[in-house]
PDB file of N, CA and C in Angstrom:
ATOM      1  N   MET A   1     -26.886 -14.002  10.561  1.00  0.00           N
ATOM      2  CA  MET A   1     -27.187 -13.389   9.271  1.00  0.00           C
ATOM      3  C   MET A   1     -26.076 -12.402   8.925  1.00  0.00           C
ATOM      4  N   ILE A   2     -25.630 -12.433   7.701  1.00  0.00           N
ATOM      5  CA  ILE A   2     -24.605 -11.492   7.266  1.00  0.00           C
ATOM      6  C   ILE A   2     -25.301 -10.257   6.720  1.00  0.00           C
ATOM      7  N   VAL A   3     -25.009  -9.137   7.308  1.00  0.00           N
ATOM      8  CA  VAL A   3     -25.581  -7.880   6.857  1.00  0.00           C
ATOM      9  C   VAL A   3     -24.903  -7.483   5.544  1.00  0.00           C
ATOM     10  N   PRO A   4     -25.687  -7.089   4.519  1.00  0.00           N
ATOM     11  CA  PRO A   4     -25.072  -6.812   3.215  1.00  0.00           C
ATOM     12  C   PRO A   4     -23.900  -5.835   3.239  1.00  0.00           C
ATOM     13  N   TRP A   5     -24.008  -4.708   3.936  1.00  0.00           N
ATOM     14  CA  TRP A   5     -22.889  -3.746   3.914  1.00  0.00           C
ATOM     15  C   TRP A   5     -21.656  -4.315   4.569  1.00  0.00           C
ATOM     16  N   LEU A   6     -21.829  -5.147   5.591  1.00  0.00           N
ATOM     17  CA  LEU A   6     -20.672  -5.684   6.300  1.00  0.00           C
ATOM     18  C   LEU A   6     -20.003  -6.799   5.501  1.00  0.00           C
ATOM     19  N   SER A   7     -20.781  -7.659   4.881  1.00  0.00           N
ATOM     20  CA  SER A   7     -20.169  -8.733   4.099  1.00  0.00           C
ATOM     21  C   SER A   7     -19.438  -8.174   2.885  1.00  0.00           C
ATOM     22  N   LEU A   8     -20.008  -7.161   2.236  1.00  0.00           N
ATOM     23  CA  LEU A   8     -19.311  -6.565   1.100  1.00  0.00           C
ATOM     24  C   LEU A   8     -18.068  -5.814   1.548  1.00  0.00           C
ATOM     25  N   LYS A   9     -18.129  -5.169   2.699  1.00  0.00           N
ATOM     26  CA  LYS A   9     -16.963  -4.451   3.213  1.00  0.00           C
ATOM     27  C   LYS A   9     -15.806  -5.402   3.454  1.00  0.00           C
ATOM     28  N   SER A  10     -16.121  -6.641   3.786  1.00  0.00           N
ATOM     29  CA  SER A  10     -15.049  -7.580   4.115  1.00  0.00           C
ATOM     30  C   SER A  10     -14.147  -7.886   2.928  1.00  0.00           C
ATOM     31  N   THR A  11     -14.608  -7.638   1.716  1.00  0.00           N
ATOM     32  CA  THR A  11     -13.786  -7.987   0.562  1.00  0.00           C
ATOM     33  C   THR A  11     -13.664  -6.900  -0.496  1.00  0.00           C
ATOM     34  N   ASN A  12     -14.383  -5.801  -0.384  1.00  0.00           N
ATOM     35  CA  ASN A  12     -14.374  -4.836  -1.486  1.00  0.00           C
ATOM     36  C   ASN A  12     -13.050  -4.106  -1.648  1.00  0.00           C
ATOM     37  N   ASP A  13     -12.200  -4.105  -0.647  1.00  0.00           N
ATOM     38  CA  ASP A  13     -10.925  -3.412  -0.788  1.00  0.00           C
ATOM     39  C   ASP A  13      -9.738  -4.373  -0.840  1.00  0.00           C
ATOM     40  N   ILE A  14     -10.001  -5.648  -1.115  1.00  0.00           N
ATOM     41  CA  ILE A  14      -8.922  -6.623  -1.250  1.00  0.00           C
ATOM     42  C   ILE A  14      -8.462  -6.646  -2.699  1.00  0.00           C
ATOM     43  N   GLY A  15      -7.177  -6.535  -2.877  1.00  0.00           N
ATOM     44  CA  GLY A  15      -6.577  -6.671  -4.193  1.00  0.00           C
ATOM     45  C   GLY A  15      -5.453  -7.683  -4.092  1.00  0.00           C
ATOM     46  N   PRO A  16      -4.871  -8.065  -5.208  1.00  0.00           N
ATOM     47  CA  PRO A  16      -3.747  -8.994  -5.154  1.00  0.00           C
ATOM     48  C   PRO A  16      -2.621  -8.431  -4.292  1.00  0.00           C
ATOM     49  N   GLY A  17      -2.029  -9.262  -3.487  1.00  0.00           N
ATOM     50  CA  GLY A  17      -0.915  -8.822  -2.647  1.00  0.00           C
ATOM     51  C   GLY A  17      -1.190  -8.991  -1.167  1.00  0.00           C
ATOM     52  N   PHE A  18      -0.764  -8.008  -0.365  1.00  0.00           N
ATOM     53  CA  PHE A  18      -0.787  -8.122   1.092  1.00  0.00           C
ATOM     54  C   PHE A  18      -2.173  -8.426   1.662  1.00  0.00           C
ATOM     55  N   ARG A  19      -3.192  -7.654   1.285  1.00  0.00           N
ATOM     56  CA  ARG A  19      -4.529  -7.874   1.855  1.00  0.00           C
ATOM     57  C   ARG A  19      -5.094  -9.228   1.458  1.00  0.00           C
ATOM     58  N   GLU A  20      -4.835  -9.636   0.244  1.00  0.00           N
ATOM     59  CA  GLU A  20      -5.269 -10.970  -0.204  1.00  0.00           C
ATOM     60  C   GLU A  20      -4.630 -12.044   0.663  1.00  0.00           C
ATOM     61  N   GLU A  21      -3.331 -11.960   0.840  1.00  0.00           N
ATOM     62  CA  GLU A  21      -2.605 -12.950   1.637  1.00  0.00           C
ATOM     63  C   GLU A  21      -3.068 -12.938   3.089  1.00  0.00           C
ATOM     64  N   LEU A  22      -3.290 -11.760   3.642  1.00  0.00           N
ATOM     65  CA  LEU A  22      -3.753 -11.648   5.023  1.00  0.00           C
ATOM     66  C   LEU A  22      -5.136 -12.275   5.193  1.00  0.00           C
ATOM     67  N   PHE A  23      -6.046 -11.974   4.280  1.00  0.00           N
ATOM     68  CA  PHE A  23      -7.399 -12.536   4.336  1.00  0.00           C
ATOM     69  C   PHE A  23      -7.345 -14.060   4.248  1.00  0.00           C
ATOM     70  N   GLU A  24      -6.531 -14.574   3.326  1.00  0.00           N
ATOM     71  CA  GLU A  24      -6.390 -16.021   3.177  1.00  0.00           C
ATOM     72  C   GLU A  24      -5.844 -16.657   4.453  1.00  0.00           C
ATOM     73  N   LYS A  25      -4.843 -16.031   5.051  1.00  0.00           N
ATOM     74  CA  LYS A  25      -4.225 -16.560   6.263  1.00  0.00           C
ATOM     75  C   LYS A  25      -5.198 -16.504   7.446  1.00  0.00           C
ATOM     76  N   MET A  26      -5.895 -15.380   7.591  1.00  0.00           N
ATOM     77  CA  MET A  26      -6.784 -15.207   8.740  1.00  0.00           C
ATOM     78  C   MET A  26      -8.004 -16.122   8.691  1.00  0.00           C
ATOM     79  N   TYR A  27      -8.542 -16.352   7.487  1.00  0.00           N
ATOM     80  CA  TYR A  27      -9.811 -17.069   7.382  1.00  0.00           C
ATOM     81  C   TYR A  27      -9.714 -18.405   6.654  1.00  0.00           C
ATOM     82  N   GLY A  28      -8.524 -18.796   6.251  1.00  0.00           N
ATOM     83  CA  GLY A  28      -8.305 -20.116   5.676  1.00  0.00           C
ATOM     84  C   GLY A  28      -9.010 -20.366   4.353  1.00  0.00           C
ATOM     85  N   VAL A  29      -9.119 -19.334   3.539  1.00  0.00           N
ATOM     86  CA  VAL A  29      -9.779 -19.474   2.236  1.00  0.00           C
ATOM     87  C   VAL A  29      -8.884 -18.918   1.144  1.00  0.00           C
ATOM     88  N   ASP A  30      -9.161 -19.308  -0.080  1.00  0.00           N
ATOM     89  CA  ASP A  30      -8.460 -18.732  -1.224  1.00  0.00           C
ATOM     90  C   ASP A  30      -9.261 -17.545  -1.740  1.00  0.00           C
ATOM     91  N   VAL A  31      -8.593 -16.429  -1.979  1.00  0.00           N
ATOM     92  CA  VAL A  31      -9.234 -15.267  -2.581  1.00  0.00           C
ATOM     93  C   VAL A  31      -9.185 -15.472  -4.097  1.00  0.00           C
ATOM     94  N   VAL A  32     -10.348 -15.466  -4.702  1.00  0.00           N
ATOM     95  CA  VAL A  32     -10.454 -15.732  -6.138  1.00  0.00           C
ATOM     96  C   VAL A  32     -10.799 -14.431  -6.864  1.00  0.00           C
ATOM     97  N   PHE A  33     -10.013 -14.121  -7.885  1.00  0.00           N
ATOM     98  CA  PHE A  33     -10.231 -12.915  -8.688  1.00  0.00           C
ATOM     99  C   PHE A  33     -10.701 -13.303 -10.087  1.00  0.00           C
ATOM    100  N   GLY A  34     -11.466 -12.426 -10.682  1.00  0.00           N
ATOM    101  CA  GLY A  34     -11.846 -12.581 -12.078  1.00  0.00           C
ATOM    102  C   GLY A  34     -10.849 -11.841 -12.944  1.00  0.00           C
ATOM    103  N   GLU A  35     -11.297 -11.467 -14.128  1.00  0.00           N
ATOM    104  CA  GLU A  35     -10.440 -10.689 -15.026  1.00  0.00           C
ATOM    105  C   GLU A  35     -11.319  -9.753 -15.839  1.00  0.00           C
ATOM    106  N   ASN A  36     -10.926  -8.491 -15.904  1.00  0.00           N
ATOM    107  CA  ASN A  36     -11.642  -7.517 -16.732  1.00  0.00           C
ATOM    108  C   ASN A  36     -11.314  -7.736 -18.198  1.00  0.00           C
ATOM    109  N   GLN A  37     -12.094  -7.113 -19.076  1.00  0.00           N
ATOM    110  CA  GLN A  37     -11.863  -7.249 -20.519  1.00  0.00           C
ATOM    111  C   GLN A  37     -10.475  -6.798 -20.935  1.00  0.00           C
ATOM    112  N   ASP A  38      -9.935  -5.818 -20.219  1.00  0.00           N
ATOM    113  CA  ASP A  38      -8.597  -5.326 -20.573  1.00  0.00           C
ATOM    114  C   ASP A  38      -7.477  -6.139 -19.921  1.00  0.00           C
ATOM    115  N   GLY A  39      -7.844  -7.224 -19.221  1.00  0.00           N
ATOM    116  CA  GLY A  39      -6.843  -8.077 -18.587  1.00  0.00           C
ATOM    117  C   GLY A  39      -6.490  -7.684 -17.169  1.00  0.00           C
ATOM    118  N   SER A  40      -6.998  -6.549 -16.696  1.00  0.00           N
ATOM    119  CA  SER A  40      -6.721  -6.139 -15.319  1.00  0.00           C
ATOM    120  C   SER A  40      -7.539  -6.974 -14.341  1.00  0.00           C
ATOM    121  N   ILE A  41      -7.107  -6.961 -13.091  1.00  0.00           N
ATOM    122  CA  ILE A  41      -7.758  -7.770 -12.064  1.00  0.00           C
ATOM    123  C   ILE A  41      -8.738  -6.898 -11.279  1.00  0.00           C
ATOM    124  N   PRO A  42     -10.018  -7.293 -11.261  1.00  0.00           N
ATOM    125  CA  PRO A  42     -11.012  -6.537 -10.500  1.00  0.00           C
ATOM    126  C   PRO A  42     -11.039  -6.997  -9.043  1.00  0.00           C
ATOM    127  N   ALA A  43     -12.054  -6.575  -8.320  1.00  0.00           N
ATOM    128  CA  ALA A  43     -12.247  -7.032  -6.940  1.00  0.00           C
ATOM    129  C   ALA A  43     -12.454  -8.550  -6.935  1.00  0.00           C
ATOM    130  N   PRO A  44     -12.302  -9.177  -5.775  1.00  0.00           N
ATOM    131  CA  PRO A  44     -12.517 -10.624  -5.691  1.00  0.00           C
ATOM    132  C   PRO A  44     -13.933 -11.019  -6.092  1.00  0.00           C
ATOM    133  N   LEU A  45     -14.076 -12.281  -6.466  1.00  0.00           N
ATOM    134  CA  LEU A  45     -15.386 -12.835  -6.788  1.00  0.00           C
ATOM    135  C   LEU A  45     -16.093 -13.138  -5.471  1.00  0.00           C
ATOM    136  N   VAL A  46     -16.927 -12.211  -5.025  1.00  0.00           N
ATOM    137  CA  VAL A  46     -17.501 -12.278  -3.676  1.00  0.00           C
ATOM    138  C   VAL A  46     -18.468 -13.431  -3.485  1.00  0.00           C
ATOM    139  N   TYR A  47     -18.959 -14.048  -4.572  1.00  0.00           N
ATOM    140  CA  TYR A  47     -19.888 -15.165  -4.429  1.00  0.00           C
ATOM    141  C   TYR A  47     -19.224 -16.514  -4.595  1.00  0.00           C
ATOM    142  N   ASP A  48     -17.914 -16.547  -4.712  1.00  0.00           N
ATOM    143  CA  ASP A  48     -17.175 -17.800  -4.702  1.00  0.00           C
ATOM    144  C   ASP A  48     -17.368 -18.457  -3.336  1.00  0.00           C
ATOM    145  N   ASP A  49     -17.512 -19.785  -3.285  1.00  0.00           N
ATOM    146  CA  ASP A  49     -17.791 -20.482  -2.025  1.00  0.00           C
ATOM    147  C   ASP A  49     -16.770 -20.163  -0.938  1.00  0.00           C
ATOM    148  N   GLY A  50     -15.502 -20.148  -1.291  1.00  0.00           N
ATOM    149  CA  GLY A  50     -14.463 -19.840  -0.306  1.00  0.00           C
ATOM    150  C   GLY A  50     -14.572 -18.409   0.198  1.00  0.00           C
ATOM    151  N   MET A  51     -14.872 -17.500  -0.715  1.00  0.00           N
ATOM    152  CA  MET A  51     -15.015 -16.096  -0.317  1.00  0.00           C
ATOM    153  C   MET A  51     -16.225 -15.909   0.602  1.00  0.00           C
ATOM    154  N   VAL A  52     -17.307 -16.625   0.335  1.00  0.00           N
ATOM    155  CA  VAL A  52     -18.487 -16.532   1.199  1.00  0.00           C
ATOM    156  C   VAL A  52     -18.132 -17.019   2.601  1.00  0.00           C
ATOM    157  N   ARG A  53     -17.381 -18.123   2.691  1.00  0.00           N
ATOM    158  CA  ARG A  53     -16.947 -18.614   4.016  1.00  0.00           C
ATOM    159  C   ARG A  53     -16.036 -17.600   4.696  1.00  0.00           C
ATOM    160  N   GLY A  54     -15.124 -16.999   3.949  1.00  0.00           N
ATOM    161  CA  GLY A  54     -14.231 -15.993   4.512  1.00  0.00           C
ATOM    162  C   GLY A  54     -14.986 -14.762   4.981  1.00  0.00           C
ATOM    163  N   GLN A  55     -15.966 -14.323   4.190  1.00  0.00           N
ATOM    164  CA  GLN A  55     -16.777 -13.171   4.583  1.00  0.00           C
ATOM    165  C   GLN A  55     -17.561 -13.471   5.856  1.00  0.00           C
ATOM    166  N   ALA A  56     -18.121 -14.675   5.948  1.00  0.00           N
ATOM    167  CA  ALA A  56     -18.874 -15.055   7.147  1.00  0.00           C
ATOM    168  C   ALA A  56     -17.967 -15.046   8.369  1.00  0.00           C
ATOM    169  N   ALA A  57     -16.753 -15.570   8.230  1.00  0.00           N
ATOM    170  CA  ALA A  57     -15.806 -15.578   9.348  1.00  0.00           C
ATOM    171  C   ALA A  57     -15.435 -14.153   9.751  1.00  0.00           C
ATOM    172  N   TYR A  58     -15.250 -13.272   8.754  1.00  0.00           N
ATOM    173  CA  TYR A  58     -14.942 -11.873   9.035  1.00  0.00           C
ATOM    174  C   TYR A  58     -16.075 -11.214   9.827  1.00  0.00           C
ATOM    175  N   VAL A  59     -17.302 -11.427   9.378  1.00  0.00           N
ATOM    176  CA  VAL A  59     -18.457 -10.810  10.033  1.00  0.00           C
ATOM    177  C   VAL A  59     -18.583 -11.309  11.469  1.00  0.00           C
ATOM    178  N   LEU A  60     -18.414 -12.604  11.685  1.00  0.00           N
ATOM    179  CA  LEU A  60     -18.497 -13.145  13.041  1.00  0.00           C
ATOM    180  C   LEU A  60     -17.419 -12.555  13.946  1.00  0.00           C
ATOM    181  N   SER A  61     -16.204 -12.417  13.418  1.00  0.00           N
ATOM    182  CA  SER A  61     -15.138 -11.839  14.241  1.00  0.00           C
ATOM    183  C   SER A  61     -15.415 -10.357  14.506  1.00  0.00           C
ATOM    184  N   TYR A  62     -15.992  -9.660  13.534  1.00  0.00           N
ATOM    185  CA  TYR A  62     -16.344  -8.246  13.702  1.00  0.00           C
ATOM    186  C   TYR A  62     -17.380  -8.084  14.811  1.00  0.00           C
ATOM    187  N   VAL A  63     -18.429  -8.905  14.751  1.00  0.00           N
ATOM    188  CA  VAL A  63     -19.480  -8.829  15.772  1.00  0.00           C
ATOM    189  C   VAL A  63     -18.911  -9.181  17.141  1.00  0.00           C
ATOM    190  N   ASP A  64     -18.112 -10.239  17.212  1.00  0.00           N
ATOM    191  CA  ASP A  64     -17.496 -10.614  18.495  1.00  0.00           C
ATOM    192  C   ASP A  64     -16.637  -9.483  19.048  1.00  0.00           C
ATOM    193  N   ARG A  65     -15.903  -8.814  18.188  1.00  0.00           N
ATOM    194  CA  ARG A  65     -14.998  -7.750  18.615  1.00  0.00           C
ATOM    195  C   ARG A  65     -15.747  -6.540  19.172  1.00  0.00           C
ATOM    196  N   TYR A  66     -16.883  -6.203  18.579  1.00  0.00           N
ATOM    197  CA  TYR A  66     -17.570  -4.970  18.957  1.00  0.00           C
ATOM    198  C   TYR A  66     -18.878  -5.151  19.723  1.00  0.00           C
ATOM    199  N   VAL A  67     -19.285  -6.362  19.980  1.00  0.00           N
ATOM    200  CA  VAL A  67     -20.604  -6.594  20.579  1.00  0.00           C
ATOM    201  C   VAL A  67     -20.756  -5.930  21.946  1.00  0.00           C
ATOM    202  N   ASP A  68     -19.711  -5.865  22.732  1.00  0.00           N
ATOM    203  CA  ASP A  68     -19.823  -5.303  24.076  1.00  0.00           C
ATOM    204  C   ASP A  68     -19.545  -3.809  24.155  1.00  0.00           C
ATOM    205  N   GLN A  69     -19.092  -3.208  23.069  1.00  0.00           N
ATOM    206  CA  GLN A  69     -18.698  -1.812  23.193  1.00  0.00           C
ATOM    207  C   GLN A  69     -19.277  -0.877  22.141  1.00  0.00           C
ATOM    208  N   ALA A  70     -19.543  -1.357  20.945  1.00  0.00           N
ATOM    209  CA  ALA A  70     -19.916  -0.408  19.903  1.00  0.00           C
ATOM    210  C   ALA A  70     -21.219  -0.734  19.177  1.00  0.00           C
ATOM    211  N   LEU A  71     -21.784  -1.883  19.431  1.00  0.00           N
ATOM    212  CA  LEU A  71     -23.014  -2.237  18.746  1.00  0.00           C
ATOM    213  C   LEU A  71     -24.214  -1.992  19.648  1.00  0.00           C
ATOM    214  N   LEU A  72     -25.286  -1.501  19.064  1.00  0.00           N
ATOM    215  CA  LEU A  72     -26.537  -1.343  19.780  1.00  0.00           C
ATOM    216  C   LEU A  72     -27.052  -2.729  20.145  1.00  0.00           C
ATOM    217  N   ARG A  73     -27.564  -2.869  21.337  1.00  0.00           N
ATOM    218  CA  ARG A  73     -28.090  -4.154  21.783  1.00  0.00           C
ATOM    219  C   ARG A  73     -29.541  -3.992  22.205  1.00  0.00           C
ATOM    220  N   VAL A  74     -30.322  -5.049  21.960  1.00  0.00           N
ATOM    221  CA  VAL A  74     -31.722  -5.069  22.383  1.00  0.00           C
ATOM    222  C   VAL A  74     -31.998  -6.367  23.116  1.00  0.00           C
ATOM    223  N   LEU A  75     -33.005  -6.333  23.958  1.00  0.00           N
ATOM    224  CA  LEU A  75     -33.469  -7.539  24.637  1.00  0.00           C
ATOM    225  C   LEU A  75     -34.544  -8.153  23.757  1.00  0.00           C
ATOM    226  N   TRP A  76     -34.315  -9.374  23.287  1.00  0.00           N
ATOM    227  CA  TRP A  76     -35.249 -10.026  22.370  1.00  0.00           C
ATOM    228  C   TRP A  76     -35.383 -11.484  22.787  1.00  0.00           C
ATOM    229  N   ASP A  77     -36.593 -11.908  23.057  1.00  0.00           N
ATOM    230  CA  ASP A  77     -36.864 -13.275  23.531  1.00  0.00           C
ATOM    231  C   ASP A  77     -36.029 -13.621  24.761  1.00  0.00           C
ATOM    232  N   GLY A  78     -35.859 -12.653  25.633  1.00  0.00           N
ATOM    233  CA  GLY A  78     -35.139 -12.871  26.877  1.00  0.00           C
ATOM    234  C   GLY A  78     -33.630 -12.876  26.750  1.00  0.00           C
ATOM    235  N   LYS A  79     -33.113 -12.580  25.577  1.00  0.00           N
ATOM    236  CA  LYS A  79     -31.666 -12.573  25.361  1.00  0.00           C
ATOM    237  C   LYS A  79     -31.239 -11.203  24.842  1.00  0.00           C
ATOM    238  N   VAL A  80     -30.054 -10.780  25.261  1.00  0.00           N
ATOM    239  CA  VAL A  80     -29.487  -9.540  24.742  1.00  0.00           C
ATOM    240  C   VAL A  80     -28.802  -9.891  23.422  1.00  0.00           C
ATOM    241  N   ARG A  81     -29.196  -9.162  22.362  1.00  0.00           N
ATOM    242  CA  ARG A  81     -28.650  -9.453  21.039  1.00  0.00           C
ATOM    243  C   ARG A  81     -28.173  -8.160  20.381  1.00  0.00           C
ATOM    244  N   PRO A  82     -27.097  -8.257  19.587  1.00  0.00           N
ATOM    245  CA  PRO A  82     -26.626  -7.054  18.894  1.00  0.00           C
ATOM    246  C   PRO A  82     -27.559  -6.699  17.735  1.00  0.00           C
ATOM    247  N   VAL A  83     -27.683  -5.413  17.482  1.00  0.00           N
ATOM    248  CA  VAL A  83     -28.442  -4.929  16.342  1.00  0.00           C
ATOM    249  C   VAL A  83     -27.441  -4.513  15.283  1.00  0.00           C
ATOM    250  N   ILE A  84     -27.487  -5.146  14.134  1.00  0.00           N
ATOM    251  CA  ILE A  84     -26.545  -4.820  13.066  1.00  0.00           C
ATOM    252  C   ILE A  84     -27.291  -4.682  11.758  1.00  0.00           C
TER     253      ILE A  84
END
């Protein structure tokens, strides 16, 4: 399950340029932007199919990275699981 704050964090600070390119390279998706009324580029379209896949990949890598050191864990149904 993607936790709302974590999935939004994965893309809320991406703008055109370096972070966009890095996200695309790391997760194999295209970052899609909309357009504001004044023609400026807002944050990515977070509900685009590619962005959803990229966000899911980000969240999984985040959990994998911190599961043994920074996430609270509980024993549930006989398995140790992270609490996020």
